[in-house]
Amino acid sequence: MSVETREREAPETETENSKNPKKSSGDRAGLLAAGAVLAACGGFVLYGVLDPGEDDEKPADRTPTAAVTYEVTGEGTADITYQARSASGEAVIVKAATLPWRKTVDVPLGQDPTVSIVLGEKGGQARCTLALRGKHVQSATATGTFGRATCTGALPGQADATQG
Protein backbone atom coordinates (compact mmCIF):
# COMPACT_ATOMS: atom_id res chain seq x y z
CA MET A 1 0.00 0.00 0.00
CA SER A 2 2.85 2.37 0.58
CA VAL A 3 3.96 1.84 -3.04
CA GLU A 4 0.57 2.95 -4.30
CA THR A 5 0.70 6.03 -2.10
CA ARG A 6 4.04 7.04 -3.55
CA GLU A 7 2.77 6.66 -7.08
CA ARG A 8 -0.23 8.80 -6.28
CA GLU A 9 1.87 11.54 -4.68
CA ALA A 10 4.14 11.99 -7.71
CA PRO A 11 1.35 12.77 -10.17
CA GLU A 12 -0.26 15.18 -7.69
CA THR A 13 2.99 17.11 -7.38
CA GLU A 14 3.21 17.49 -11.16
CA THR A 15 -0.40 18.60 -11.24
CA GLU A 16 0.26 21.23 -8.56
CA ASN A 17 3.10 22.77 -10.64
CA SER A 18 1.00 22.78 -13.80
CA LYS A 19 -1.88 24.46 -11.92
CA ASN A 20 0.45 27.27 -10.75
CA PRO A 21 2.30 28.53 -13.87
CA LYS A 22 3.42 31.69 -12.05
CA LYS A 23 5.63 29.65 -9.77
CA SER A 24 7.43 27.89 -12.61
CA SER A 25 7.82 31.09 -14.70
CA GLY A 26 9.16 32.85 -11.59
CA ASP A 27 11.76 30.13 -11.24
CA ARG A 28 12.72 30.57 -14.90
CA ALA A 29 13.00 34.34 -14.50
CA GLY A 30 15.26 33.87 -11.49
CA LEU A 31 17.46 31.45 -13.42
CA LEU A 32 17.63 33.85 -16.37
CA ALA A 33 18.59 36.76 -14.11
CA ALA A 34 21.26 34.67 -12.39
CA GLY A 35 22.59 33.60 -15.79
CA ALA A 36 22.76 37.22 -16.97
CA VAL A 37 24.64 38.28 -13.83
CA LEU A 38 27.03 35.37 -14.21
CA ALA A 39 27.66 36.24 -17.87
CA ALA A 40 28.34 39.88 -16.96
CA CYS A 41 30.81 38.84 -14.25
CA GLY A 42 32.52 36.54 -16.71
CA GLY A 43 32.81 39.40 -19.18
CA PHE A 44 34.46 41.62 -16.60
CA VAL A 45 36.90 38.87 -15.68
CA LEU A 46 37.78 38.28 -19.34
CA TYR A 47 38.20 42.01 -19.90
CA GLY A 48 40.60 42.17 -16.96
CA VAL A 49 42.56 39.18 -18.24
CA LEU A 50 42.69 40.31 -21.87
CA ASP A 51 43.24 44.04 -21.22
CA PRO A 52 46.96 44.74 -21.53
CA GLY A 53 46.68 47.58 -19.00
CA GLU A 54 48.36 50.16 -21.23
CA ASP A 55 46.12 52.89 -19.80
CA ASP A 56 47.47 52.23 -16.30
CA GLU A 57 51.01 53.25 -17.21
CA LYS A 58 51.99 56.91 -17.04
CA PRO A 59 53.56 58.21 -20.21
CA ALA A 60 57.32 58.69 -19.86
CA ASP A 61 57.24 62.00 -21.74
CA ARG A 62 54.66 63.73 -19.55
CA THR A 63 55.42 67.44 -19.32
CA PRO A 64 55.48 69.01 -15.83
CA THR A 65 53.05 71.88 -15.34
CA ALA A 66 52.29 74.76 -13.00
CA ALA A 67 48.90 76.13 -11.92
CA VAL A 68 48.05 79.45 -13.57
CA THR A 69 45.01 81.55 -12.73
CA TYR A 70 43.63 83.96 -15.31
CA GLU A 71 41.02 86.51 -14.29
CA VAL A 72 39.18 89.18 -16.25
CA THR A 73 37.05 91.70 -14.37
CA GLY A 74 34.73 94.36 -15.69
CA GLU A 75 31.21 94.51 -17.05
CA GLY A 76 29.67 93.17 -20.22
CA THR A 77 31.58 90.76 -22.44
CA ALA A 78 35.03 90.35 -23.92
CA ASP A 79 36.86 87.90 -26.17
CA ILE A 80 39.47 86.10 -24.04
CA THR A 81 42.46 84.12 -25.29
CA TYR A 82 44.63 82.16 -22.85
CA GLN A 83 47.37 79.52 -22.70
CA ALA A 84 46.40 76.16 -21.18
CA ARG A 85 47.91 72.67 -21.03
CA SER A 86 49.17 72.31 -24.57
CA ALA A 87 52.81 71.51 -25.24
CA SER A 88 52.33 72.79 -28.77
CA GLY A 89 51.49 76.26 -27.42
CA GLU A 90 47.98 76.42 -28.87
CA ALA A 91 45.74 78.99 -27.20
CA VAL A 92 42.17 78.60 -26.00
CA ILE A 93 39.72 81.24 -27.25
CA VAL A 94 36.52 82.18 -25.44
CA LYS A 95 34.26 84.40 -27.55
CA ALA A 96 31.99 86.94 -25.83
CA ALA A 97 32.75 85.71 -22.30
CA THR A 98 30.50 87.25 -19.67
CA LEU A 99 32.52 89.26 -17.16
CA PRO A 100 33.73 88.72 -14.51
CA TRP A 101 35.53 85.57 -15.73
CA ARG A 102 38.09 83.36 -13.96
CA LYS A 103 39.92 80.19 -14.98
CA THR A 104 42.71 78.15 -13.33
CA VAL A 105 44.60 75.81 -15.67
CA ASP A 106 47.86 73.88 -15.81
CA VAL A 107 50.47 75.31 -18.17
CA PRO A 108 53.55 73.29 -19.22
CA LEU A 109 56.81 74.49 -17.67
CA GLY A 110 58.82 76.46 -20.18
CA GLN A 111 55.69 77.99 -21.78
CA ASP A 112 54.78 81.61 -21.12
CA PRO A 113 51.27 81.79 -19.66
CA THR A 114 49.34 84.56 -21.38
CA VAL A 115 45.84 85.97 -21.23
CA SER A 116 44.59 88.56 -23.73
CA ILE A 117 41.30 90.41 -23.79
CA VAL A 118 39.57 92.30 -26.59
CA LEU A 119 36.50 94.40 -25.87
CA GLY A 120 33.64 94.61 -28.35
CA GLU A 121 32.30 97.56 -30.33
CA LYS A 122 30.40 98.76 -27.24
CA GLY A 123 33.75 99.34 -25.55
CA GLY A 124 33.87 99.71 -21.80
CA GLN A 125 36.63 98.73 -19.44
CA ALA A 126 38.04 95.34 -18.40
CA ARG A 127 41.10 94.27 -16.45
CA CYS A 128 43.08 91.04 -16.86
CA THR A 129 45.24 89.56 -14.10
CA LEU A 130 47.63 86.63 -14.06
CA ALA A 131 48.70 84.59 -11.03
CA LEU A 132 51.34 81.83 -11.09
CA ARG A 133 51.06 79.21 -8.37
CA GLY A 134 48.78 81.55 -6.44
CA LYS A 135 51.07 84.64 -6.63
CA HIS A 136 50.02 87.75 -8.55
CA VAL A 137 52.32 88.39 -11.53
CA GLN A 138 50.77 91.00 -13.79
CA SER A 139 47.62 92.97 -14.57
CA ALA A 140 46.56 95.23 -17.43
CA THR A 141 43.48 97.26 -18.37
CA ALA A 142 41.63 97.52 -21.68
CA THR A 143 39.39 100.54 -22.34
CA GLY A 144 37.24 101.88 -25.16
CA THR A 145 35.90 100.41 -28.37
CA PHE A 146 37.80 97.21 -29.24
CA GLY A 147 40.20 97.94 -26.36
CA ARG A 148 42.94 95.36 -25.81
CA ALA A 149 45.08 94.20 -22.90
CA THR A 150 47.52 91.33 -22.38
CA CYS A 151 49.02 89.79 -19.25
CA THR A 152 52.05 87.51 -19.51
CA GLY A 153 54.19 85.62 -17.02
CA ALA A 154 57.19 83.33 -17.18
CA LEU A 155 57.37 79.78 -15.90
CA PRO A 156 60.72 78.12 -15.32
CA GLY A 157 61.83 75.54 -17.87
CA GLN A 158 61.66 71.82 -17.07
CA ALA A 159 65.36 71.70 -16.17
CA ASP A 160 65.01 74.70 -13.81
CA ALA A 161 62.06 73.09 -12.02
CA THR A 162 63.88 69.80 -11.36
CA GLN A 163 67.00 71.51 -10.02
CA GLY A 164 65.40 73.89 -7.60
C-alpha atoms as a PDB file:
ATOM      1  CA  MET A   1       0.000   0.000   0.000  1.00  0.00           C
ATOM      2  CA  SER A   2       2.853   2.373   0.576  1.00  0.00           C
ATOM      3  CA  VAL A   3       3.962   1.840  -3.036  1.00  0.00           C
ATOM      4  CA  GLU A   4       0.565   2.952  -4.300  1.00  0.00           C
ATOM      5  CA  THR A   5       0.704   6.033  -2.095  1.00  0.00           C
ATOM      6  CA  ARG A   6       4.043   7.040  -3.548  1.00  0.00           C
ATOM      7  CA  GLU A   7       2.766   6.655  -7.084  1.00  0.00           C
ATOM      8  CA  ARG A   8      -0.234   8.804  -6.282  1.00  0.00           C
ATOM      9  CA  GLU A   9       1.870  11.543  -4.682  1.00  0.00           C
ATOM     10  CA  ALA A  10       4.136  11.993  -7.706  1.00  0.00           C
ATOM     11  CA  PRO A  11       1.346  12.774 -10.171  1.00  0.00           C
ATOM     12  CA  GLU A  12      -0.263  15.177  -7.690  1.00  0.00           C
ATOM     13  CA  THR A  13       2.992  17.110  -7.378  1.00  0.00           C
ATOM     14  CA  GLU A  14       3.205  17.486 -11.162  1.00  0.00           C
ATOM     15  CA  THR A  15      -0.401  18.604 -11.238  1.00  0.00           C
ATOM     16  CA  GLU A  16       0.256  21.235  -8.563  1.00  0.00           C
ATOM     17  CA  ASN A  17       3.097  22.770 -10.638  1.00  0.00           C
ATOM     18  CA  SER A  18       0.996  22.784 -13.796  1.00  0.00           C
ATOM     19  CA  LYS A  19      -1.880  24.460 -11.918  1.00  0.00           C
ATOM     20  CA  ASN A  20       0.448  27.269 -10.745  1.00  0.00           C
ATOM     21  CA  PRO A  21       2.296  28.534 -13.871  1.00  0.00           C
ATOM     22  CA  LYS A  22       3.417  31.686 -12.051  1.00  0.00           C
ATOM     23  CA  LYS A  23       5.627  29.650  -9.767  1.00  0.00           C
ATOM     24  CA  SER A  24       7.433  27.887 -12.614  1.00  0.00           C
ATOM     25  CA  SER A  25       7.816  31.089 -14.696  1.00  0.00           C
ATOM     26  CA  GLY A  26       9.165  32.854 -11.590  1.00  0.00           C
ATOM     27  CA  ASP A  27      11.762  30.128 -11.243  1.00  0.00           C
ATOM     28  CA  ARG A  28      12.718  30.567 -14.895  1.00  0.00           C
ATOM     29  CA  ALA A  29      12.995  34.340 -14.503  1.00  0.00           C
ATOM     30  CA  GLY A  30      15.260  33.872 -11.488  1.00  0.00           C
ATOM     31  CA  LEU A  31      17.456  31.452 -13.416  1.00  0.00           C
ATOM     32  CA  LEU A  32      17.635  33.849 -16.371  1.00  0.00           C
ATOM     33  CA  ALA A  33      18.585  36.759 -14.106  1.00  0.00           C
ATOM     34  CA  ALA A  34      21.256  34.673 -12.386  1.00  0.00           C
ATOM     35  CA  GLY A  35      22.593  33.604 -15.788  1.00  0.00           C
ATOM     36  CA  ALA A  36      22.759  37.218 -16.969  1.00  0.00           C
ATOM     37  CA  VAL A  37      24.644  38.280 -13.835  1.00  0.00           C
ATOM     38  CA  LEU A  38      27.035  35.368 -14.210  1.00  0.00           C
ATOM     39  CA  ALA A  39      27.659  36.239 -17.870  1.00  0.00           C
ATOM     40  CA  ALA A  40      28.337  39.882 -16.962  1.00  0.00           C
ATOM     41  CA  CYS A  41      30.811  38.836 -14.254  1.00  0.00           C
ATOM     42  CA  GLY A  42      32.519  36.539 -16.709  1.00  0.00           C
ATOM     43  CA  GLY A  43      32.809  39.399 -19.184  1.00  0.00           C
ATOM     44  CA  PHE A  44      34.464  41.620 -16.598  1.00  0.00           C
ATOM     45  CA  VAL A  45      36.898  38.865 -15.683  1.00  0.00           C
ATOM     46  CA  LEU A  46      37.783  38.281 -19.344  1.00  0.00           C
ATOM     47  CA  TYR A  47      38.200  42.014 -19.899  1.00  0.00           C
ATOM     48  CA  GLY A  48      40.601  42.165 -16.960  1.00  0.00           C
ATOM     49  CA  VAL A  49      42.557  39.180 -18.238  1.00  0.00           C
ATOM     50  CA  LEU A  50      42.687  40.307 -21.866  1.00  0.00           C
ATOM     51  CA  ASP A  51      43.242  44.038 -21.222  1.00  0.00           C
ATOM     52  CA  PRO A  52      46.963  44.743 -21.533  1.00  0.00           C
ATOM     53  CA  GLY A  53      46.685  47.581 -19.000  1.00  0.00           C
ATOM     54  CA  GLU A  54      48.360  50.159 -21.227  1.00  0.00           C
ATOM     55  CA  ASP A  55      46.122  52.891 -19.800  1.00  0.00           C
ATOM     56  CA  ASP A  56      47.469  52.232 -16.299  1.00  0.00           C
ATOM     57  CA  GLU A  57      51.014  53.254 -17.214  1.00  0.00           C
ATOM     58  CA  LYS A  58      51.992  56.906 -17.044  1.00  0.00           C
ATOM     59  CA  PRO A  59      53.563  58.208 -20.213  1.00  0.00           C
ATOM     60  CA  ALA A  60      57.316  58.695 -19.860  1.00  0.00           C
ATOM     61  CA  ASP A  61      57.242  62.004 -21.740  1.00  0.00           C
ATOM     62  CA  ARG A  62      54.657  63.731 -19.552  1.00  0.00           C
ATOM     63  CA  THR A  63      55.419  67.444 -19.324  1.00  0.00           C
ATOM     64  CA  PRO A  64      55.484  69.008 -15.827  1.00  0.00           C
ATOM     65  CA  THR A  65      53.055  71.877 -15.344  1.00  0.00           C
ATOM     66  CA  ALA A  66      52.288  74.756 -12.998  1.00  0.00           C
ATOM     67  CA  ALA A  67      48.903  76.133 -11.917  1.00  0.00           C
ATOM     68  CA  VAL A  68      48.053  79.448 -13.567  1.00  0.00           C
ATOM     69  CA  THR A  69      45.005  81.554 -12.728  1.00  0.00           C
ATOM     70  CA  TYR A  70      43.633  83.957 -15.315  1.00  0.00           C
ATOM     71  CA  GLU A  71      41.021  86.514 -14.293  1.00  0.00           C
ATOM     72  CA  VAL A  72      39.185  89.181 -16.253  1.00  0.00           C
ATOM     73  CA  THR A  73      37.054  91.696 -14.368  1.00  0.00           C
ATOM     74  CA  GLY A  74      34.733  94.361 -15.692  1.00  0.00           C
ATOM     75  CA  GLU A  75      31.207  94.507 -17.049  1.00  0.00           C
ATOM     76  CA  GLY A  76      29.671  93.171 -20.224  1.00  0.00           C
ATOM     77  CA  THR A  77      31.576  90.758 -22.439  1.00  0.00           C
ATOM     78  CA  ALA A  78      35.034  90.346 -23.920  1.00  0.00           C
ATOM     79  CA  ASP A  79      36.862  87.900 -26.167  1.00  0.00           C
ATOM     80  CA  ILE A  80      39.471  86.101 -24.038  1.00  0.00           C
ATOM     81  CA  THR A  81      42.463  84.121 -25.294  1.00  0.00           C
ATOM     82  CA  TYR A  82      44.626  82.158 -22.852  1.00  0.00           C
ATOM     83  CA  GLN A  83      47.367  79.516 -22.705  1.00  0.00           C
ATOM     84  CA  ALA A  84      46.399  76.157 -21.176  1.00  0.00           C
ATOM     85  CA  ARG A  85      47.909  72.665 -21.031  1.00  0.00           C
ATOM     86  CA  SER A  86      49.167  72.309 -24.571  1.00  0.00           C
ATOM     87  CA  ALA A  87      52.806  71.506 -25.236  1.00  0.00           C
ATOM     88  CA  SER A  88      52.325  72.794 -28.772  1.00  0.00           C
ATOM     89  CA  GLY A  89      51.494  76.255 -27.417  1.00  0.00           C
ATOM     90  CA  GLU A  90      47.975  76.423 -28.866  1.00  0.00           C
ATOM     91  CA  ALA A  91      45.741  78.987 -27.200  1.00  0.00           C
ATOM     92  CA  VAL A  92      42.165  78.596 -26.001  1.00  0.00           C
ATOM     93  CA  ILE A  93      39.725  81.243 -27.248  1.00  0.00           C
ATOM     94  CA  VAL A  94      36.521  82.175 -25.437  1.00  0.00           C
ATOM     95  CA  LYS A  95      34.264  84.399 -27.554  1.00  0.00           C
ATOM     96  CA  ALA A  96      31.990  86.945 -25.832  1.00  0.00           C
ATOM     97  CA  ALA A  97      32.746  85.711 -22.301  1.00  0.00           C
ATOM     98  CA  THR A  98      30.502  87.253 -19.669  1.00  0.00           C
ATOM     99  CA  LEU A  99      32.523  89.260 -17.159  1.00  0.00           C
ATOM    100  CA  PRO A 100      33.733  88.722 -14.510  1.00  0.00           C
ATOM    101  CA  TRP A 101      35.526  85.569 -15.727  1.00  0.00           C
ATOM    102  CA  ARG A 102      38.087  83.358 -13.964  1.00  0.00           C
ATOM    103  CA  LYS A 103      39.924  80.190 -14.976  1.00  0.00           C
ATOM    104  CA  THR A 104      42.708  78.146 -13.329  1.00  0.00           C
ATOM    105  CA  VAL A 105      44.604  75.815 -15.668  1.00  0.00           C
ATOM    106  CA  ASP A 106      47.856  73.879 -15.805  1.00  0.00           C
ATOM    107  CA  VAL A 107      50.468  75.307 -18.172  1.00  0.00           C
ATOM    108  CA  PRO A 108      53.550  73.295 -19.217  1.00  0.00           C
ATOM    109  CA  LEU A 109      56.815  74.487 -17.675  1.00  0.00           C
ATOM    110  CA  GLY A 110      58.821  76.465 -20.178  1.00  0.00           C
ATOM    111  CA  GLN A 111      55.693  77.985 -21.778  1.00  0.00           C
ATOM    112  CA  ASP A 112      54.779  81.615 -21.124  1.00  0.00           C
ATOM    113  CA  PRO A 113      51.270  81.788 -19.665  1.00  0.00           C
ATOM    114  CA  THR A 114      49.344  84.557 -21.377  1.00  0.00           C
ATOM    115  CA  VAL A 115      45.840  85.973 -21.225  1.00  0.00           C
ATOM    116  CA  SER A 116      44.593  88.556 -23.726  1.00  0.00           C
ATOM    117  CA  ILE A 117      41.301  90.409 -23.793  1.00  0.00           C
ATOM    118  CA  VAL A 118      39.572  92.300 -26.586  1.00  0.00           C
ATOM    119  CA  LEU A 119      36.504  94.403 -25.866  1.00  0.00           C
ATOM    120  CA  GLY A 120      33.640  94.609 -28.347  1.00  0.00           C
ATOM    121  CA  GLU A 121      32.301  97.564 -30.325  1.00  0.00           C
ATOM    122  CA  LYS A 122      30.396  98.757 -27.240  1.00  0.00           C
ATOM    123  CA  GLY A 123      33.754  99.338 -25.548  1.00  0.00           C
ATOM    124  CA  GLY A 124      33.868  99.714 -21.804  1.00  0.00           C
ATOM    125  CA  GLN A 125      36.632  98.731 -19.438  1.00  0.00           C
ATOM    126  CA  ALA A 126      38.042  95.340 -18.402  1.00  0.00           C
ATOM    127  CA  ARG A 127      41.096  94.273 -16.451  1.00  0.00           C
ATOM    128  CA  CYS A 128      43.081  91.037 -16.857  1.00  0.00           C
ATOM    129  CA  THR A 129      45.235  89.560 -14.097  1.00  0.00           C
ATOM    130  CA  LEU A 130      47.626  86.630 -14.060  1.00  0.00           C
ATOM    131  CA  ALA A 131      48.700  84.587 -11.028  1.00  0.00           C
ATOM    132  CA  LEU A 132      51.337  81.832 -11.094  1.00  0.00           C
ATOM    133  CA  ARG A 133      51.057  79.207  -8.367  1.00  0.00           C
ATOM    134  CA  GLY A 134      48.784  81.550  -6.436  1.00  0.00           C
ATOM    135  CA  LYS A 135      51.067  84.638  -6.630  1.00  0.00           C
ATOM    136  CA  HIS A 136      50.023  87.746  -8.554  1.00  0.00           C
ATOM    137  CA  VAL A 137      52.320  88.387 -11.530  1.00  0.00           C
ATOM    138  CA  GLN A 138      50.771  91.005 -13.786  1.00  0.00           C
ATOM    139  CA  SER A 139      47.621  92.966 -14.567  1.00  0.00           C
ATOM    140  CA  ALA A 140      46.559  95.226 -17.431  1.00  0.00           C
ATOM    141  CA  THR A 141      43.482  97.257 -18.372  1.00  0.00           C
ATOM    142  CA  ALA A 142      41.631  97.524 -21.681  1.00  0.00           C
ATOM    143  CA  THR A 143      39.386 100.539 -22.342  1.00  0.00           C
ATOM    144  CA  GLY A 144      37.243 101.882 -25.161  1.00  0.00           C
ATOM    145  CA  THR A 145      35.904 100.413 -28.373  1.00  0.00           C
ATOM    146  CA  PHE A 146      37.804  97.215 -29.239  1.00  0.00           C
ATOM    147  CA  GLY A 147      40.199  97.936 -26.357  1.00  0.00           C
ATOM    148  CA  ARG A 148      42.941  95.363 -25.814  1.00  0.00           C
ATOM    149  CA  ALA A 149      45.085  94.199 -22.905  1.00  0.00           C
ATOM    150  CA  THR A 150      47.518  91.328 -22.378  1.00  0.00           C
ATOM    151  CA  CYS A 151      49.015  89.795 -19.249  1.00  0.00           C
ATOM    152  CA  THR A 152      52.050  87.508 -19.509  1.00  0.00           C
ATOM    153  CA  GLY A 153      54.186  85.625 -17.023  1.00  0.00           C
ATOM    154  CA  ALA A 154      57.190  83.328 -17.180  1.00  0.00           C
ATOM    155  CA  LEU A 155      57.369  79.782 -15.904  1.00  0.00           C
ATOM    156  CA  PRO A 156      60.723  78.118 -15.321  1.00  0.00           C
ATOM    157  CA  GLY A 157      61.834  75.541 -17.872  1.00  0.00           C
ATOM    158  CA  GLN A 158      61.656  71.824 -17.073  1.00  0.00           C
ATOM    159  CA  ALA A 159      65.360  71.696 -16.170  1.00  0.00           C
ATOM    160  CA  ASP A 160      65.012  74.698 -13.813  1.00  0.00           C
ATOM    161  CA  ALA A 161      62.062  73.094 -12.022  1.00  0.00           C
ATOM    162  CA  THR A 162      63.880  69.799 -11.357  1.00  0.00           C
ATOM    163  CA  GLN A 163      67.004  71.513 -10.020  1.00  0.00           C
ATOM    164  CA  GLY A 164      65.396  73.891  -7.604  1.00  0.00           C
END
